[in-house]
Full PDB file with SEQRES, HELIX, SHEET, SSBOND, CRYST1, ORIGX, SCALE, CONECT and MASTER records, all heavy atoms in Angstrom:
SEQRES   1 A   34  VAL ILE ASP GLU ILE ILE ALA PHE VAL GLN LYS ILE LEU          
SEQRES   2 A   34  ASP ASN GLY TYR GLY TYR ILE THR LYS ASN GLY VAL TYR          
SEQRES   3 A   34  PHE ASP THR SER LYS TYR VAL HIS                              
HELIX    1 AA1 ILE A    2  ASP A   14  1                                  13    
HELIX    2 AA2 THR A   29  LYS A   31  5                                   3    
SHEET    1 AA1 2 GLY A  18  THR A  21  0                                        
SHEET    2 AA1 2 GLY A  24  PHE A  27 -1                                        
CRYST1    1.000    1.000    1.000  90.00  90.00  90.00 P 1           1          
ORIGX1      1.000000  0.000000  0.000000        0.00000                         
ORIGX2      0.000000  1.000000  0.000000        0.00000                         
ORIGX3      0.000000  0.000000  1.000000        0.00000                         
SCALE1      1.000000  0.000000  0.000000        0.00000                         
SCALE2      0.000000  1.000000  0.000000        0.00000                         
SCALE3      0.000000  0.000000  1.000000        0.00000                         
ATOM      1  N   VAL A   1     -23.048  -3.460  -2.218  1.00  0.00           N  
ATOM      2  CA  VAL A   1     -21.595  -3.243  -2.325  1.00  0.00           C  
ATOM      3  C   VAL A   1     -21.274  -1.762  -2.577  1.00  0.00           C  
ATOM      4  O   VAL A   1     -20.312  -1.433  -3.265  1.00  0.00           O  
ATOM      5  CB  VAL A   1     -20.982  -4.119  -3.450  1.00  0.00           C  
ATOM      6  CG1 VAL A   1     -20.957  -5.588  -3.041  1.00  0.00           C  
ATOM      7  CG2 VAL A   1     -21.720  -3.926  -4.775  1.00  0.00           C  
ATOM      8  N   ILE A   2     -22.047  -0.879  -1.997  1.00  0.00           N  
ATOM      9  CA  ILE A   2     -21.807   0.558  -2.199  1.00  0.00           C  
ATOM     10  C   ILE A   2     -20.415   0.951  -1.716  1.00  0.00           C  
ATOM     11  O   ILE A   2     -19.703   1.726  -2.386  1.00  0.00           O  
ATOM     12  CB  ILE A   2     -22.893   1.394  -1.484  1.00  0.00           C  
ATOM     13  CG1 ILE A   2     -24.282   1.124  -2.105  1.00  0.00           C  
ATOM     14  CG2 ILE A   2     -22.554   2.883  -1.575  1.00  0.00           C  
ATOM     15  CD1 ILE A   2     -24.416   1.496  -3.566  1.00  0.00           C  
ATOM     16  N   ASP A   3     -19.992   0.427  -0.566  1.00  0.00           N  
ATOM     17  CA  ASP A   3     -18.657   0.764  -0.055  1.00  0.00           C  
ATOM     18  C   ASP A   3     -17.575   0.315  -1.029  1.00  0.00           C  
ATOM     19  O   ASP A   3     -16.599   1.043  -1.274  1.00  0.00           O  
ATOM     20  CB  ASP A   3     -18.430   0.114   1.308  1.00  0.00           C  
ATOM     21  CG  ASP A   3     -19.254   0.757   2.420  1.00  0.00           C  
ATOM     22  OD1 ASP A   3     -19.760   1.876   2.199  1.00  0.00           O  
ATOM     23  OD2 ASP A   3     -19.389   0.133   3.493  1.00  0.00           O  
ATOM     24  N   GLU A   4     -17.721  -0.893  -1.590  1.00  0.00           N  
ATOM     25  CA  GLU A   4     -16.738  -1.407  -2.554  1.00  0.00           C  
ATOM     26  C   GLU A   4     -16.736  -0.571  -3.829  1.00  0.00           C  
ATOM     27  O   GLU A   4     -15.680  -0.323  -4.427  1.00  0.00           O  
ATOM     28  CB  GLU A   4     -17.034  -2.871  -2.882  1.00  0.00           C  
ATOM     29  CG  GLU A   4     -16.721  -3.851  -1.766  1.00  0.00           C  
ATOM     30  CD  GLU A   4     -17.882  -4.042  -0.784  1.00  0.00           C  
ATOM     31  OE1 GLU A   4     -18.819  -3.204  -0.796  1.00  0.00           O  
ATOM     32  OE2 GLU A   4     -17.832  -5.007  -0.009  1.00  0.00           O  
ATOM     33  N   ILE A   5     -17.903  -0.113  -4.243  1.00  0.00           N  
ATOM     34  CA  ILE A   5     -17.997   0.726  -5.444  1.00  0.00           C  
ATOM     35  C   ILE A   5     -17.282   2.056  -5.209  1.00  0.00           C  
ATOM     36  O   ILE A   5     -16.521   2.530  -6.059  1.00  0.00           O  
ATOM     37  CB  ILE A   5     -19.473   0.942  -5.837  1.00  0.00           C  
ATOM     38  CG1 ILE A   5     -20.075  -0.361  -6.393  1.00  0.00           C  
ATOM     39  CG2 ILE A   5     -19.607   2.073  -6.858  1.00  0.00           C  
ATOM     40  CD1 ILE A   5     -21.562  -0.319  -6.634  1.00  0.00           C  
ATOM     41  N   ILE A   6     -17.526   2.671  -4.058  1.00  0.00           N  
ATOM     42  CA  ILE A   6     -16.872   3.947  -3.743  1.00  0.00           C  
ATOM     43  C   ILE A   6     -15.357   3.780  -3.728  1.00  0.00           C  
ATOM     44  O   ILE A   6     -14.615   4.613  -4.272  1.00  0.00           O  
ATOM     45  CB  ILE A   6     -17.394   4.490  -2.390  1.00  0.00           C  
ATOM     46  CG1 ILE A   6     -18.855   4.953  -2.541  1.00  0.00           C  
ATOM     47  CG2 ILE A   6     -16.521   5.631  -1.881  1.00  0.00           C  
ATOM     48  CD1 ILE A   6     -19.530   5.326  -1.236  1.00  0.00           C  
ATOM     49  N   ALA A   7     -14.893   2.674  -3.142  1.00  0.00           N  
ATOM     50  CA  ALA A   7     -13.448   2.421  -3.096  1.00  0.00           C  
ATOM     51  C   ALA A   7     -12.877   2.223  -4.498  1.00  0.00           C  
ATOM     52  O   ALA A   7     -11.764   2.681  -4.808  1.00  0.00           O  
ATOM     53  CB  ALA A   7     -13.158   1.200  -2.228  1.00  0.00           C  
ATOM     54  N   PHE A   8     -13.637   1.555  -5.368  1.00  0.00           N  
ATOM     55  CA  PHE A   8     -13.198   1.317  -6.744  1.00  0.00           C  
ATOM     56  C   PHE A   8     -13.093   2.638  -7.505  1.00  0.00           C  
ATOM     57  O   PHE A   8     -12.124   2.888  -8.229  1.00  0.00           O  
ATOM     58  CB  PHE A   8     -14.183   0.362  -7.437  1.00  0.00           C  
ATOM     59  CG  PHE A   8     -13.600  -0.429  -8.563  1.00  0.00           C  
ATOM     60  CD1 PHE A   8     -13.186  -1.733  -8.380  1.00  0.00           C  
ATOM     61  CD2 PHE A   8     -13.473   0.127  -9.835  1.00  0.00           C  
ATOM     62  CE1 PHE A   8     -12.646  -2.475  -9.428  1.00  0.00           C  
ATOM     63  CE2 PHE A   8     -12.941  -0.592 -10.885  1.00  0.00           C  
ATOM     64  CZ  PHE A   8     -12.528  -1.916 -10.682  1.00  0.00           C  
ATOM     65  N   VAL A   9     -14.098   3.488  -7.335  1.00  0.00           N  
ATOM     66  CA  VAL A   9     -14.085   4.804  -7.992  1.00  0.00           C  
ATOM     67  C   VAL A   9     -12.901   5.630  -7.497  1.00  0.00           C  
ATOM     68  O   VAL A   9     -12.204   6.295  -8.281  1.00  0.00           O  
ATOM     69  CB  VAL A   9     -15.412   5.545  -7.760  1.00  0.00           C  
ATOM     70  CG1 VAL A   9     -15.330   6.974  -8.297  1.00  0.00           C  
ATOM     71  CG2 VAL A   9     -16.573   4.806  -8.420  1.00  0.00           C  
ATOM     72  N   GLN A  10     -12.650   5.579  -6.200  1.00  0.00           N  
ATOM     73  CA  GLN A  10     -11.534   6.354  -5.645  1.00  0.00           C  
ATOM     74  C   GLN A  10     -10.197   5.891  -6.229  1.00  0.00           C  
ATOM     75  O   GLN A  10      -9.318   6.703  -6.530  1.00  0.00           O  
ATOM     76  CB  GLN A  10     -11.511   6.209  -4.117  1.00  0.00           C  
ATOM     77  CG  GLN A  10     -10.484   7.098  -3.439  1.00  0.00           C  
ATOM     78  CD  GLN A  10     -10.745   8.578  -3.675  1.00  0.00           C  
ATOM     79  OE1 GLN A  10     -11.801   9.100  -3.319  1.00  0.00           O  
ATOM     80  NE2 GLN A  10      -9.783   9.274  -4.298  1.00  0.00           N  
ATOM     81  N   LYS A  11     -10.070   4.574  -6.431  1.00  0.00           N  
ATOM     82  CA  LYS A  11      -8.838   4.035  -7.015  1.00  0.00           C  
ATOM     83  C   LYS A  11      -8.668   4.541  -8.456  1.00  0.00           C  
ATOM     84  O   LYS A  11      -7.556   4.879  -8.880  1.00  0.00           O  
ATOM     85  CB  LYS A  11      -8.897   2.502  -7.001  1.00  0.00           C  
ATOM     86  CG  LYS A  11      -7.599   1.808  -7.360  1.00  0.00           C  
ATOM     87  CD  LYS A  11      -6.677   1.714  -6.185  1.00  0.00           C  
ATOM     88  CE  LYS A  11      -5.414   0.915  -6.523  1.00  0.00           C  
ATOM     89  NZ  LYS A  11      -5.668  -0.537  -6.646  1.00  0.00           N  
ATOM     90  N   ILE A  12      -9.749   4.619  -9.190  1.00  0.00           N  
ATOM     91  CA  ILE A  12      -9.695   5.147 -10.562  1.00  0.00           C  
ATOM     92  C   ILE A  12      -9.248   6.608 -10.556  1.00  0.00           C  
ATOM     93  O   ILE A  12      -8.406   7.024 -11.362  1.00  0.00           O  
ATOM     94  CB  ILE A  12     -11.071   4.983 -11.253  1.00  0.00           C  
ATOM     95  CG1 ILE A  12     -11.352   3.505 -11.525  1.00  0.00           C  
ATOM     96  CG2 ILE A  12     -11.135   5.785 -12.560  1.00  0.00           C  
ATOM     97  CD1 ILE A  12     -12.750   3.219 -12.040  1.00  0.00           C  
ATOM     98  N   LEU A  13      -9.787   7.386  -9.625  1.00  0.00           N  
ATOM     99  CA  LEU A  13      -9.380   8.788  -9.497  1.00  0.00           C  
ATOM    100  C   LEU A  13      -7.901   8.893  -9.107  1.00  0.00           C  
ATOM    101  O   LEU A  13      -7.149   9.687  -9.675  1.00  0.00           O  
ATOM    102  CB  LEU A  13     -10.245   9.492  -8.452  1.00  0.00           C  
ATOM    103  CG  LEU A  13     -11.666   9.882  -8.874  1.00  0.00           C  
ATOM    104  CD1 LEU A  13     -12.478  10.308  -7.659  1.00  0.00           C  
ATOM    105  CD2 LEU A  13     -11.655  10.983  -9.920  1.00  0.00           C  
ATOM    106  N   ASP A  14      -7.510   8.068  -8.131  1.00  0.00           N  
ATOM    107  CA  ASP A  14      -6.118   8.110  -7.656  1.00  0.00           C  
ATOM    108  C   ASP A  14      -5.136   7.777  -8.777  1.00  0.00           C  
ATOM    109  O   ASP A  14      -4.011   8.312  -8.810  1.00  0.00           O  
ATOM    110  CB  ASP A  14      -5.917   7.118  -6.513  1.00  0.00           C  
ATOM    111  CG  ASP A  14      -6.658   7.525  -5.247  1.00  0.00           C  
ATOM    112  OD1 ASP A  14      -7.062   8.702  -5.151  1.00  0.00           O  
ATOM    113  OD2 ASP A  14      -6.835   6.657  -4.366  1.00  0.00           O  
ATOM    114  N   ASN A  15      -5.563   6.911  -9.703  1.00  0.00           N  
ATOM    115  CA  ASN A  15      -4.691   6.491 -10.803  1.00  0.00           C  
ATOM    116  C   ASN A  15      -4.766   7.419 -12.016  1.00  0.00           C  
ATOM    117  O   ASN A  15      -4.153   7.149 -13.053  1.00  0.00           O  
ATOM    118  CB  ASN A  15      -5.023   5.056 -11.221  1.00  0.00           C  
ATOM    119  CG  ASN A  15      -4.632   4.042 -10.162  1.00  0.00           C  
ATOM    120  OD1 ASN A  15      -3.831   4.333  -9.267  1.00  0.00           O  
ATOM    121  ND2 ASN A  15      -5.195   2.834 -10.239  1.00  0.00           N  
ATOM    122  N   GLY A  16      -5.529   8.502 -11.890  1.00  0.00           N  
ATOM    123  CA  GLY A  16      -5.541   9.519 -12.929  1.00  0.00           C  
ATOM    124  C   GLY A  16      -6.484   9.278 -14.091  1.00  0.00           C  
ATOM    125  O   GLY A  16      -6.367   9.926 -15.141  1.00  0.00           O  
ATOM    126  N   TYR A  17      -7.451   8.372 -13.921  1.00  0.00           N  
ATOM    127  CA  TYR A  17      -8.364   8.049 -15.021  1.00  0.00           C  
ATOM    128  C   TYR A  17      -9.749   8.674 -14.857  1.00  0.00           C  
ATOM    129  O   TYR A  17     -10.621   8.453 -15.693  1.00  0.00           O  
ATOM    130  CB  TYR A  17      -8.525   6.530 -15.148  1.00  0.00           C  
ATOM    131  CG  TYR A  17      -7.326   5.836 -15.745  1.00  0.00           C  
ATOM    132  CD1 TYR A  17      -6.260   5.435 -14.947  1.00  0.00           C  
ATOM    133  CD2 TYR A  17      -7.261   5.568 -17.109  1.00  0.00           C  
ATOM    134  CE1 TYR A  17      -5.156   4.781 -15.486  1.00  0.00           C  
ATOM    135  CE2 TYR A  17      -6.170   4.915 -17.662  1.00  0.00           C  
ATOM    136  CZ  TYR A  17      -5.123   4.531 -16.836  1.00  0.00           C  
ATOM    137  OH  TYR A  17      -4.036   3.880 -17.384  1.00  0.00           O  
ATOM    138  N   GLY A  18      -9.955   9.411 -13.799  1.00  0.00           N  
ATOM    139  CA  GLY A  18     -11.270  10.004 -13.582  1.00  0.00           C  
ATOM    140  C   GLY A  18     -11.162  11.470 -13.218  1.00  0.00           C  
ATOM    141  O   GLY A  18     -10.081  11.997 -12.947  1.00  0.00           O  
ATOM    142  N   TYR A  19     -12.309  12.150 -13.211  1.00  0.00           N  
ATOM    143  CA  TYR A  19     -12.349  13.563 -12.806  1.00  0.00           C  
ATOM    144  C   TYR A  19     -13.731  13.866 -12.241  1.00  0.00           C  
ATOM    145  O   TYR A  19     -14.710  13.139 -12.470  1.00  0.00           O  
ATOM    146  CB  TYR A  19     -12.015  14.477 -13.981  1.00  0.00           C  
ATOM    147  CG  TYR A  19     -12.923  14.341 -15.192  1.00  0.00           C  
ATOM    148  CD1 TYR A  19     -14.035  15.165 -15.358  1.00  0.00           C  
ATOM    149  CD2 TYR A  19     -12.662  13.392 -16.184  1.00  0.00           C  
ATOM    150  CE1 TYR A  19     -14.858  15.051 -16.461  1.00  0.00           C  
ATOM    151  CE2 TYR A  19     -13.472  13.275 -17.293  1.00  0.00           C  
ATOM    152  CZ  TYR A  19     -14.575  14.097 -17.439  1.00  0.00           C  
ATOM    153  OH  TYR A  19     -15.392  13.970 -18.536  1.00  0.00           O  
ATOM    154  N   ILE A  20     -13.790  14.946 -11.503  1.00  0.00           N  
ATOM    155  CA  ILE A  20     -15.006  15.313 -10.780  1.00  0.00           C  
ATOM    156  C   ILE A  20     -15.638  16.546 -11.420  1.00  0.00           C  
ATOM    157  O   ILE A  20     -14.938  17.505 -11.774  1.00  0.00           O  
ATOM    158  CB  ILE A  20     -14.685  15.588  -9.303  1.00  0.00           C  
ATOM    159  CG1 ILE A  20     -14.032  14.353  -8.660  1.00  0.00           C  
ATOM    160  CG2 ILE A  20     -15.944  15.979  -8.529  1.00  0.00           C  
ATOM    161  CD1 ILE A  20     -13.425  14.628  -7.289  1.00  0.00           C  
ATOM    162  N   THR A  21     -16.957  16.532 -11.572  1.00  0.00           N  
ATOM    163  CA  THR A  21     -17.711  17.693 -12.047  1.00  0.00           C  
ATOM    164  C   THR A  21     -18.795  18.014 -11.023  1.00  0.00           C  
ATOM    165  O   THR A  21     -18.945  17.322 -10.012  1.00  0.00           O  
ATOM    166  CB  THR A  21     -18.367  17.431 -13.421  1.00  0.00           C  
ATOM    167  OG1 THR A  21     -19.522  16.593 -13.231  1.00  0.00           O  
ATOM    168  CG2 THR A  21     -17.401  16.766 -14.388  1.00  0.00           C  
ATOM    169  N   LYS A  22     -19.573  19.030 -11.325  1.00  0.00           N  
ATOM    170  CA  LYS A  22     -20.665  19.393 -10.418  1.00  0.00           C  
ATOM    171  C   LYS A  22     -21.731  18.300 -10.355  1.00  0.00           C  
ATOM    172  O   LYS A  22     -22.520  18.244  -9.403  1.00  0.00           O  
ATOM    173  CB  LYS A  22     -21.312  20.705 -10.875  1.00  0.00           C  
ATOM    174  CG  LYS A  22     -21.970  20.661 -12.242  1.00  0.00           C  
ATOM    175  CD  LYS A  22     -22.592  22.002 -12.600  1.00  0.00           C  
ATOM    176  CE  LYS A  22     -23.282  21.978 -13.961  1.00  0.00           C  
ATOM    177  NZ  LYS A  22     -22.347  21.739 -15.075  1.00  0.00           N  
ATOM    178  N   ASN A  23     -21.766  17.424 -11.381  1.00  0.00           N  
ATOM    179  CA  ASN A  23     -22.787  16.379 -11.439  1.00  0.00           C  
ATOM    180  C   ASN A  23     -22.310  15.013 -10.966  1.00  0.00           C  
ATOM    181  O   ASN A  23     -23.108  14.083 -10.871  1.00  0.00           O  
ATOM    182  CB  ASN A  23     -23.320  16.240 -12.870  1.00  0.00           C  
ATOM    183  CG  ASN A  23     -24.144  17.442 -13.274  1.00  0.00           C  
ATOM    184  OD1 ASN A  23     -24.861  18.004 -12.450  1.00  0.00           O  
ATOM    185  ND2 ASN A  23     -24.035  17.854 -14.525  1.00  0.00           N  
ATOM    186  N   GLY A  24     -21.004  14.872 -10.704  1.00  0.00           N  
ATOM    187  CA  GLY A  24     -20.526  13.581 -10.242  1.00  0.00           C  
ATOM    188  C   GLY A  24     -19.092  13.310 -10.634  1.00  0.00           C  
ATOM    189  O   GLY A  24     -18.304  14.234 -10.871  1.00  0.00           O  
ATOM    190  N   VAL A  25     -18.769  12.013 -10.740  1.00  0.00           N  
ATOM    191  CA  VAL A  25     -17.427  11.571 -11.109  1.00  0.00           C  
ATOM    192  C   VAL A  25     -17.509  10.891 -12.472  1.00  0.00           C  
ATOM    193  O   VAL A  25     -18.374  10.027 -12.687  1.00  0.00           O  
ATOM    194  CB  VAL A  25     -16.848  10.595 -10.068  1.00  0.00           C  
ATOM    195  CG1 VAL A  25     -15.419  10.201 -10.447  1.00  0.00           C  
ATOM    196  CG2 VAL A  25     -16.891  11.196  -8.672  1.00  0.00           C  
ATOM    197  N   TYR A  26     -16.615  11.266 -13.385  1.00  0.00           N  
ATOM    198  CA  TYR A  26     -16.607  10.695 -14.733  1.00  0.00           C  
ATOM    199  C   TYR A  26     -15.301   9.960 -15.013  1.00  0.00           C  
ATOM    200  O   TYR A  26     -14.242  10.300 -14.459  1.00  0.00           O  
ATOM    201  CB  TYR A  26     -16.788  11.805 -15.779  1.00  0.00           C  
ATOM    202  CG  TYR A  26     -18.210  12.266 -15.927  1.00  0.00           C  
ATOM    203  CD1 TYR A  26     -18.701  13.291 -15.110  1.00  0.00           C  
ATOM    204  CD2 TYR A  26     -19.067  11.674 -16.838  1.00  0.00           C  
ATOM    205  CE1 TYR A  26     -20.011  13.717 -15.230  1.00  0.00           C  
ATOM    206  CE2 TYR A  26     -20.380  12.094 -16.961  1.00  0.00           C  
ATOM    207  CZ  TYR A  26     -20.851  13.112 -16.149  1.00  0.00           C  
ATOM    208  OH  TYR A  26     -22.149  13.523 -16.266  1.00  0.00           O  
ATOM    209  N   PHE A  27     -15.388   8.988 -15.893  1.00  0.00           N  
ATOM    210  CA  PHE A  27     -14.195   8.310 -16.401  1.00  0.00           C  
ATOM    211  C   PHE A  27     -13.709   9.068 -17.625  1.00  0.00           C  
ATOM    212  O   PHE A  27     -14.492   9.372 -18.535  1.00  0.00           O  
ATOM    213  CB  PHE A  27     -14.518   6.867 -16.778  1.00  0.00           C  
ATOM    214  CG  PHE A  27     -13.301   6.057 -17.128  1.00  0.00           C  
ATOM    215  CD1 PHE A  27     -12.690   5.264 -16.171  1.00  0.00           C  
ATOM    216  CD2 PHE A  27     -12.741   6.091 -18.405  1.00  0.00           C  
ATOM    217  CE1 PHE A  27     -11.559   4.520 -16.473  1.00  0.00           C  
ATOM    218  CE2 PHE A  27     -11.610   5.361 -18.720  1.00  0.00           C  
ATOM    219  CZ  PHE A  27     -11.010   4.581 -17.750  1.00  0.00           C  
ATOM    220  N   ASP A  28     -12.401   9.343 -17.660  1.00  0.00           N  
ATOM    221  CA  ASP A  28     -11.799  10.059 -18.782  1.00  0.00           C  
ATOM    222  C   ASP A  28     -11.343   9.040 -19.831  1.00  0.00           C  
ATOM    223  O   ASP A  28     -10.281   8.431 -19.702  1.00  0.00           O  
ATOM    224  CB  ASP A  28     -10.612  10.893 -18.289  1.00  0.00           C  
ATOM    225  CG  ASP A  28     -10.043  11.804 -19.374  1.00  0.00           C  
ATOM    226  OD1 ASP A  28     -10.342  11.582 -20.560  1.00  0.00           O  
ATOM    227  OD2 ASP A  28      -9.285  12.735 -19.019  1.00  0.00           O  
ATOM    228  N   THR A  29     -12.166   8.850 -20.861  1.00  0.00           N  
ATOM    229  CA  THR A  29     -11.870   7.823 -21.859  1.00  0.00           C  
ATOM    230  C   THR A  29     -10.612   8.117 -22.671  1.00  0.00           C  
ATOM    231  O   THR A  29     -10.001   7.205 -23.236  1.00  0.00           O  
ATOM    232  CB  THR A  29     -13.062   7.641 -22.819  1.00  0.00           C  
ATOM    233  OG1 THR A  29     -13.409   8.905 -23.391  1.00  0.00           O  
ATOM    234  CG2 THR A  29     -14.258   7.074 -22.092  1.00  0.00           C  
ATOM    235  N   SER A  30     -10.194   9.371 -22.717  1.00  0.00           N  
ATOM    236  CA  SER A  30      -8.984   9.710 -23.479  1.00  0.00           C  
ATOM    237  C   SER A  30      -7.731   9.144 -22.822  1.00  0.00           C  
ATOM    238  O   SER A  30      -6.686   9.004 -23.468  1.00  0.00           O  
ATOM    239  CB  SER A  30      -8.847  11.231 -23.617  1.00  0.00           C  
ATOM    240  OG  SER A  30      -8.549  11.826 -22.367  1.00  0.00           O  
ATOM    241  N   LYS A  31      -7.826   8.777 -21.539  1.00  0.00           N  
ATOM    242  CA  LYS A  31      -6.665   8.255 -20.817  1.00  0.00           C  
ATOM    243  C   LYS A  31      -6.449   6.762 -21.084  1.00  0.00           C  
ATOM    244  O   LYS A  31      -5.368   6.231 -20.800  1.00  0.00           O  
ATOM    245  CB  LYS A  31      -6.838   8.481 -19.311  1.00  0.00           C  
ATOM    246  CG  LYS A  31      -6.905   9.957 -18.911  1.00  0.00           C  
ATOM    247  CD  LYS A  31      -5.558  10.648 -19.131  1.00  0.00           C  
ATOM    248  CE  LYS A  31      -5.586  12.106 -18.698  1.00  0.00           C  
ATOM    249  NZ  LYS A  31      -5.715  12.256 -17.246  1.00  0.00           N  
ATOM    250  N   TYR A  32      -7.485   6.090 -21.601  1.00  0.00           N  
ATOM    251  CA  TYR A  32      -7.353   4.650 -21.873  1.00  0.00           C  
ATOM    252  C   TYR A  32      -7.269   4.461 -23.383  1.00  0.00           C  
ATOM    253  O   TYR A  32      -8.257   4.602 -24.099  1.00  0.00           O  
ATOM    254  CB  TYR A  32      -8.534   3.868 -21.285  1.00  0.00           C  
ATOM    255  CG  TYR A  32      -8.440   2.375 -21.528  1.00  0.00           C  
ATOM    256  CD1 TYR A  32      -7.345   1.643 -21.078  1.00  0.00           C  
ATOM    257  CD2 TYR A  32      -9.444   1.696 -22.216  1.00  0.00           C  
ATOM    258  CE1 TYR A  32      -7.249   0.279 -21.307  1.00  0.00           C  
ATOM    259  CE2 TYR A  32      -9.360   0.345 -22.444  1.00  0.00           C  
ATOM    260  CZ  TYR A  32      -8.255  -0.364 -21.993  1.00  0.00           C  
ATOM    261  OH  TYR A  32      -8.168  -1.715 -22.229  1.00  0.00           O  
ATOM    262  N   VAL A  33      -6.078   4.158 -23.877  1.00  0.00           N  
ATOM    263  CA  VAL A  33      -5.816   4.191 -25.324  1.00  0.00           C  
ATOM    264  C   VAL A  33      -6.581   3.121 -26.101  1.00  0.00           C  
ATOM    265  O   VAL A  33      -6.788   3.260 -27.312  1.00  0.00           O  
ATOM    266  CB  VAL A  33      -4.307   4.050 -25.615  1.00  0.00           C  
ATOM    267  CG1 VAL A  33      -3.553   5.224 -25.048  1.00  0.00           C  
ATOM    268  CG2 VAL A  33      -3.761   2.738 -25.050  1.00  0.00           C  
ATOM    269  N   HIS A  34      -7.006   2.065 -25.425  1.00  0.00           N  
ATOM    270  CA  HIS A  34      -7.712   0.983 -26.129  1.00  0.00           C  
ATOM    271  C   HIS A  34      -9.234   1.144 -26.064  1.00  0.00           C  
ATOM    272  O   HIS A  34      -9.961   0.227 -26.465  1.00  0.00           O  
ATOM    273  CB  HIS A  34      -7.311  -0.375 -25.546  1.00  0.00           C  
ATOM    274  CG  HIS A  34      -5.849  -0.683 -25.685  1.00  0.00           C  
ATOM    275  ND1 HIS A  34      -5.227  -0.796 -26.913  1.00  0.00           N  
ATOM    276  CD2 HIS A  34      -4.887  -0.890 -24.742  1.00  0.00           C  
ATOM    277  CE1 HIS A  34      -3.952  -1.064 -26.729  1.00  0.00           C  
ATOM    278  NE2 HIS A  34      -3.715  -1.120 -25.438  1.00  0.00           N  
TER     279      HIS A  34                                                      
MASTER        0    0    0    2    2    0    0    6  278    1    0    3          
END                                                                             
């Protein structure tokens, strides 16, 4: 399900919960208050 995973990650980025670094894509935990 690599294609589905990539699409899921892209949705997280599009919704403002992720960011990109030289090493990959990270989830920004400060954006999720719970």
